[in-house]
Amino acid sequence: MNNWKETATELNLSLKFKNFKNAWAFMNEAAIAAENLKHHPNWSNVYNTVEITLTTHDAGNTVTSKDYELANVINDILKNYEFQH
C-alpha cells in the first residue's frame, strides 16, 4: 500500500507536499472521506508535512479492515497532489 508502514497496532504514512496549501487541501479532502467512512485518522500537520496514523480504537487499538479501507481511499486522494522531492 504505497508508502504506508504497518506495525502490529497501526498504519503510518508520512507525506511532504509541495507547500502548505496542498497539505491543507489534502487534509480537507481526506477528512470528508474519513467522515463518510465513520473512521477517523490520528494526524498532524506542520507546514507541508502531514503525518497520518490509522488504528481501530474500538478493536483494541489494532489494524482492521476499517484502516485498510481508509488507507486505500487516502491513496486515491493522493493521486491528485504534487509532493516535494
Protein backbone atom coordinates (compact mmCIF):
# COMPACT_ATOMS: atom_id res chain seq x y z
CA MET A 1 0.00 0.00 0.00
CA ASN A 2 2.20 2.79 -1.30
CA ASN A 3 4.44 4.13 1.46
CA TRP A 4 2.31 3.03 4.40
CA LYS A 5 4.31 1.40 7.19
CA GLU A 6 2.45 -1.25 9.15
CA THR A 7 3.10 -2.31 12.73
CA ALA A 8 1.09 -4.69 14.87
CA THR A 9 -1.12 -1.84 16.06
CA GLU A 10 -1.23 0.83 13.32
CA LEU A 11 -0.66 2.02 9.77
CA ASN A 12 1.57 5.10 9.40
CA LEU A 13 2.20 7.43 6.49
CA SER A 14 4.41 10.50 6.28
CA LEU A 15 3.81 12.94 3.43
CA LYS A 16 5.70 16.03 2.32
CA PHE A 17 3.60 18.14 -0.01
CA LYS A 18 4.74 20.87 -2.39
CA ASN A 19 3.52 23.53 0.06
CA PHE A 20 1.18 24.21 2.99
CA LYS A 21 -1.78 24.95 0.73
CA ASN A 22 -1.57 21.49 -0.85
CA ALA A 23 -1.12 19.79 2.53
CA TRP A 24 -4.20 21.54 3.89
CA ALA A 25 -6.28 20.83 0.79
CA PHE A 26 -5.38 17.14 1.08
CA MET A 27 -6.36 17.11 4.74
CA ASN A 28 -9.72 18.68 3.94
CA GLU A 29 -10.43 16.10 1.28
CA ALA A 30 -9.25 13.21 3.47
CA ALA A 31 -11.31 14.48 6.41
CA ILE A 32 -14.51 14.35 4.36
CA ALA A 33 -13.67 10.82 3.20
CA ALA A 34 -12.92 9.73 6.77
CA GLU A 35 -16.20 11.17 7.99
CA ASN A 36 -18.08 9.34 5.25
CA LEU A 37 -16.41 6.08 6.35
CA LYS A 38 -17.01 6.89 10.04
CA HIS A 39 -13.33 6.12 10.70
CA HIS A 40 -11.02 8.97 11.61
CA PRO A 41 -7.23 9.23 11.44
CA ASN A 42 -4.85 10.47 14.06
CA TRP A 43 -2.82 13.05 12.19
CA SER A 44 -0.69 16.14 12.45
CA ASN A 45 0.36 18.89 10.09
CA VAL A 46 3.40 21.16 10.19
CA TYR A 47 3.74 23.41 7.13
CA ASN A 48 3.90 20.99 4.17
CA THR A 49 4.24 17.76 6.18
CA VAL A 50 1.32 15.54 7.16
CA GLU A 51 1.77 12.53 9.45
CA ILE A 52 -1.10 10.00 9.50
CA THR A 53 -1.70 7.12 11.89
CA LEU A 54 -4.59 4.70 11.39
CA THR A 55 -5.71 2.29 14.09
CA THR A 56 -9.07 0.98 15.21
CA HIS A 57 -9.59 2.07 18.81
CA ASP A 58 -12.77 0.08 19.42
CA ALA A 59 -10.93 -3.11 18.34
CA GLY A 60 -8.24 -2.68 20.98
CA ASN A 61 -6.00 -0.29 19.03
CA THR A 62 -5.14 -2.69 16.26
CA VAL A 63 -5.22 -2.61 12.46
CA THR A 64 -8.54 -3.73 10.98
CA SER A 65 -10.30 -3.64 7.63
CA LYS A 66 -11.50 -0.11 8.51
CA ASP A 67 -7.89 1.09 8.50
CA TYR A 68 -7.08 -0.58 5.18
CA GLU A 69 -10.24 0.86 3.65
CA LEU A 70 -9.39 4.40 4.74
CA ALA A 71 -5.75 3.97 3.66
CA ASN A 72 -6.92 2.95 0.18
CA VAL A 73 -9.23 5.96 -0.04
CA ILE A 74 -6.37 8.23 1.08
CA ASN A 75 -4.13 6.66 -1.58
CA ASP A 76 -6.73 7.53 -4.22
CA ILE A 77 -6.95 11.12 -2.97
CA LEU A 78 -3.17 11.45 -3.04
CA LYS A 79 -3.12 10.85 -6.81
CA ASN A 80 -4.32 14.45 -7.22
CA TYR A 81 -1.41 16.08 -5.35
CA GLU A 82 2.19 17.06 -6.00
CA PHE A 83 4.89 16.25 -3.50
CA GLN A 84 8.20 17.81 -2.59
CA HIS A 85 11.16 15.85 -3.92
